N, C-alpha and C. Protein backbone atom coordinates (compact mmCIF):
# COMPACT_ATOMS: atom_id res chain seq x y z
N UNK A 1 3.20 -8.86 30.18
CA UNK A 1 2.50 -8.84 28.91
C UNK A 1 1.40 -7.78 28.97
N UNK A 2 1.34 -6.93 27.95
CA UNK A 2 0.36 -5.84 27.92
C UNK A 2 -0.96 -6.35 27.35
N UNK A 3 -2.05 -6.02 28.03
CA UNK A 3 -3.37 -6.47 27.59
C UNK A 3 -4.00 -5.39 26.72
N UNK A 4 -4.52 -5.79 25.58
CA UNK A 4 -5.20 -4.86 24.68
C UNK A 4 -6.68 -4.82 25.06
N UNK A 5 -7.14 -3.69 25.60
CA UNK A 5 -8.53 -3.58 26.04
C UNK A 5 -9.45 -3.14 24.91
N UNK A 6 -8.89 -2.72 23.77
CA UNK A 6 -9.69 -2.33 22.62
C UNK A 6 -9.84 -3.55 21.72
N UNK A 7 -10.98 -4.22 21.81
CA UNK A 7 -11.18 -5.45 21.05
C UNK A 7 -12.18 -5.27 19.92
N UNK A 8 -13.08 -4.34 20.06
CA UNK A 8 -14.12 -4.13 19.06
C UNK A 8 -14.15 -2.65 18.68
N UNK A 9 -14.72 -2.31 17.52
CA UNK A 9 -14.78 -0.90 17.11
C UNK A 9 -15.45 0.01 18.13
N UNK A 10 -16.53 -0.45 18.74
CA UNK A 10 -17.20 0.40 19.73
C UNK A 10 -16.34 0.60 20.98
N UNK A 11 -15.47 -0.37 21.28
CA UNK A 11 -14.53 -0.20 22.40
C UNK A 11 -13.57 0.95 22.11
N UNK A 12 -13.10 1.03 20.87
CA UNK A 12 -12.19 2.11 20.49
C UNK A 12 -12.88 3.46 20.62
N UNK A 13 -14.13 3.54 20.19
CA UNK A 13 -14.88 4.79 20.33
C UNK A 13 -15.10 5.13 21.79
N UNK A 14 -15.42 4.14 22.58
CA UNK A 14 -15.64 4.37 24.01
C UNK A 14 -14.37 4.89 24.67
N UNK A 15 -13.23 4.41 24.24
CA UNK A 15 -11.94 4.87 24.76
C UNK A 15 -11.70 6.34 24.39
N UNK A 16 -12.25 6.78 23.26
CA UNK A 16 -12.06 8.16 22.79
C UNK A 16 -13.09 9.13 23.38
N UNK A 17 -14.06 8.63 24.13
CA UNK A 17 -15.10 9.50 24.71
C UNK A 17 -14.46 10.57 25.59
N UNK A 18 -14.88 11.82 25.36
CA UNK A 18 -14.34 12.94 26.12
C UNK A 18 -13.07 13.52 25.52
N UNK A 19 -12.54 12.88 24.49
CA UNK A 19 -11.32 13.35 23.84
C UNK A 19 -11.65 14.00 22.50
N UNK A 20 -10.71 14.75 21.98
CA UNK A 20 -10.90 15.42 20.70
C UNK A 20 -10.76 14.41 19.57
N UNK A 21 -11.72 14.42 18.64
CA UNK A 21 -11.71 13.50 17.50
C UNK A 21 -11.93 14.27 16.20
N UNK A 22 -11.51 13.65 15.11
CA UNK A 22 -11.76 14.17 13.77
C UNK A 22 -12.80 13.24 13.15
N UNK A 23 -13.87 13.82 12.59
CA UNK A 23 -14.91 13.03 11.93
C UNK A 23 -14.96 13.47 10.47
N UNK A 24 -14.75 12.52 9.56
CA UNK A 24 -14.87 12.82 8.14
C UNK A 24 -16.20 12.27 7.65
N UNK A 25 -16.90 13.10 6.86
CA UNK A 25 -18.24 12.76 6.39
C UNK A 25 -18.22 12.37 4.91
N UNK A 26 -19.29 11.71 4.47
CA UNK A 26 -19.41 11.31 3.07
C UNK A 26 -19.41 12.50 2.12
N UNK A 27 -19.87 13.67 2.60
CA UNK A 27 -19.89 14.86 1.74
C UNK A 27 -18.54 15.59 1.76
N UNK A 28 -17.50 14.90 2.25
CA UNK A 28 -16.11 15.39 2.28
C UNK A 28 -15.87 16.50 3.28
N UNK A 29 -16.80 16.74 4.20
CA UNK A 29 -16.57 17.73 5.26
C UNK A 29 -15.80 17.06 6.38
N UNK A 30 -15.03 17.87 7.10
CA UNK A 30 -14.26 17.37 8.24
C UNK A 30 -14.69 18.16 9.46
N UNK A 31 -15.11 17.44 10.50
CA UNK A 31 -15.54 18.06 11.74
C UNK A 31 -14.59 17.63 12.85
N UNK A 32 -14.28 18.56 13.74
CA UNK A 32 -13.41 18.27 14.87
C UNK A 32 -14.13 18.71 16.14
N UNK A 33 -14.12 17.87 17.15
CA UNK A 33 -14.75 18.23 18.42
C UNK A 33 -14.50 17.16 19.46
N UNK A 34 -15.03 17.40 20.64
CA UNK A 34 -14.89 16.46 21.74
C UNK A 34 -16.02 15.43 21.66
N UNK A 35 -15.66 14.15 21.62
CA UNK A 35 -16.65 13.08 21.50
C UNK A 35 -17.43 12.97 22.80
N UNK A 36 -18.72 13.31 22.72
CA UNK A 36 -19.57 13.28 23.91
C UNK A 36 -20.32 11.96 24.03
N UNK A 37 -20.90 11.50 22.92
CA UNK A 37 -21.73 10.29 22.96
C UNK A 37 -21.82 9.68 21.57
N UNK A 38 -22.18 8.38 21.54
CA UNK A 38 -22.43 7.66 20.29
C UNK A 38 -23.29 6.45 20.62
N UNK A 39 -23.89 5.86 19.58
CA UNK A 39 -24.69 4.66 19.80
C UNK A 39 -24.23 3.55 18.85
N UNK A 40 -24.96 2.44 18.82
CA UNK A 40 -24.54 1.31 17.99
C UNK A 40 -24.61 1.60 16.50
N UNK A 41 -25.33 2.65 16.10
CA UNK A 41 -25.42 3.05 14.70
C UNK A 41 -24.35 4.09 14.36
N UNK A 42 -23.50 4.40 15.31
CA UNK A 42 -22.44 5.41 15.23
C UNK A 42 -23.03 6.82 15.07
N UNK A 43 -24.33 6.99 15.38
CA UNK A 43 -24.84 8.35 15.55
C UNK A 43 -23.98 8.96 16.64
N UNK A 44 -23.51 10.19 16.43
CA UNK A 44 -22.47 10.75 17.27
C UNK A 44 -22.81 12.17 17.70
N UNK A 45 -22.46 12.51 18.94
CA UNK A 45 -22.60 13.88 19.44
C UNK A 45 -21.20 14.41 19.73
N UNK A 46 -20.90 15.59 19.17
CA UNK A 46 -19.63 16.27 19.44
C UNK A 46 -19.90 17.57 20.17
N UNK A 47 -19.08 17.89 21.16
CA UNK A 47 -19.11 19.19 21.83
C UNK A 47 -18.01 20.06 21.25
N UNK A 48 -18.22 21.37 21.29
CA UNK A 48 -17.22 22.34 20.81
C UNK A 48 -16.76 21.99 19.40
N UNK A 49 -17.70 21.59 18.55
CA UNK A 49 -17.36 21.16 17.20
C UNK A 49 -17.07 22.34 16.29
N UNK A 50 -16.18 22.09 15.34
CA UNK A 50 -15.88 23.07 14.31
C UNK A 50 -15.66 22.35 12.99
N UNK A 51 -16.03 23.02 11.91
CA UNK A 51 -15.80 22.49 10.57
C UNK A 51 -14.46 22.99 10.08
N UNK A 52 -13.66 22.09 9.53
CA UNK A 52 -12.34 22.47 9.02
C UNK A 52 -12.26 22.20 7.53
N UNK A 53 -11.58 23.12 6.83
CA UNK A 53 -11.29 22.95 5.42
C UNK A 53 -9.79 23.17 5.25
N UNK A 54 -9.10 22.19 4.70
CA UNK A 54 -7.64 22.24 4.53
C UNK A 54 -6.93 22.57 5.84
N UNK A 55 -7.44 22.02 6.94
CA UNK A 55 -6.81 22.21 8.25
C UNK A 55 -7.15 23.52 8.93
N UNK A 56 -7.84 24.41 8.26
CA UNK A 56 -8.21 25.71 8.82
C UNK A 56 -9.67 25.67 9.30
N UNK A 57 -9.95 26.31 10.43
CA UNK A 57 -11.32 26.36 10.95
C UNK A 57 -12.17 27.23 10.02
N UNK A 58 -13.23 26.62 9.48
CA UNK A 58 -14.15 27.35 8.60
C UNK A 58 -15.27 27.99 9.42
N UNK A 59 -15.82 27.22 10.37
CA UNK A 59 -16.86 27.77 11.25
C UNK A 59 -16.98 26.93 12.51
N UNK A 60 -17.39 27.59 13.58
CA UNK A 60 -17.61 26.93 14.87
C UNK A 60 -19.08 26.52 14.94
N UNK A 61 -19.32 25.28 15.37
CA UNK A 61 -20.67 24.73 15.35
C UNK A 61 -21.24 24.47 16.74
N UNK A 62 -20.41 24.39 17.76
CA UNK A 62 -20.88 24.10 19.11
C UNK A 62 -21.18 22.62 19.27
N UNK A 63 -22.27 22.29 19.95
CA UNK A 63 -22.67 20.89 20.15
C UNK A 63 -23.51 20.44 18.96
N UNK A 64 -23.10 19.34 18.33
CA UNK A 64 -23.81 18.86 17.14
C UNK A 64 -24.07 17.37 17.22
N UNK A 65 -25.12 16.94 16.52
CA UNK A 65 -25.46 15.53 16.34
C UNK A 65 -25.14 15.16 14.91
N UNK A 66 -24.44 14.05 14.70
CA UNK A 66 -24.10 13.59 13.36
C UNK A 66 -24.73 12.21 13.16
N UNK A 67 -25.50 12.07 12.11
CA UNK A 67 -26.11 10.77 11.81
C UNK A 67 -25.02 9.78 11.39
N UNK A 68 -25.06 8.60 11.94
CA UNK A 68 -24.01 7.61 11.73
C UNK A 68 -23.77 7.24 10.28
N UNK A 69 -24.84 7.18 9.46
CA UNK A 69 -24.63 6.76 8.07
C UNK A 69 -23.97 7.83 7.22
N UNK A 70 -23.75 9.03 7.77
CA UNK A 70 -23.04 10.09 7.05
C UNK A 70 -21.54 10.06 7.32
N UNK A 71 -21.12 9.24 8.29
CA UNK A 71 -19.73 9.23 8.74
C UNK A 71 -18.91 8.21 7.95
N UNK A 72 -17.75 8.67 7.46
CA UNK A 72 -16.80 7.78 6.79
C UNK A 72 -15.80 7.25 7.81
N UNK A 73 -15.27 8.14 8.68
CA UNK A 73 -14.32 7.70 9.68
C UNK A 73 -14.30 8.62 10.88
N UNK A 74 -13.87 8.09 12.00
CA UNK A 74 -13.65 8.86 13.23
C UNK A 74 -12.24 8.52 13.69
N UNK A 75 -11.46 9.57 13.95
CA UNK A 75 -10.07 9.36 14.36
C UNK A 75 -9.74 10.27 15.54
N UNK A 76 -8.95 9.76 16.47
CA UNK A 76 -8.46 10.60 17.57
C UNK A 76 -7.51 11.63 16.98
N UNK A 77 -7.63 12.88 17.44
CA UNK A 77 -6.78 13.95 16.90
C UNK A 77 -5.39 13.87 17.47
């Protein structure tokens, strides 16, 4: 029997740490980068981040901090 180690939302984020994620914001921007850190408020740090529009890279941002209340969703790429 396979055990599911992802039981809570923060567990899922912790599992994605160090991996590439897509972050969609309330202002309809989409950011892609490597998930470096997050906290209980979902304040998030991405490394090698870039902003994408219609799947195309609009600009490279490097390491960025995103305030948790601006985030609509975080998904593994």
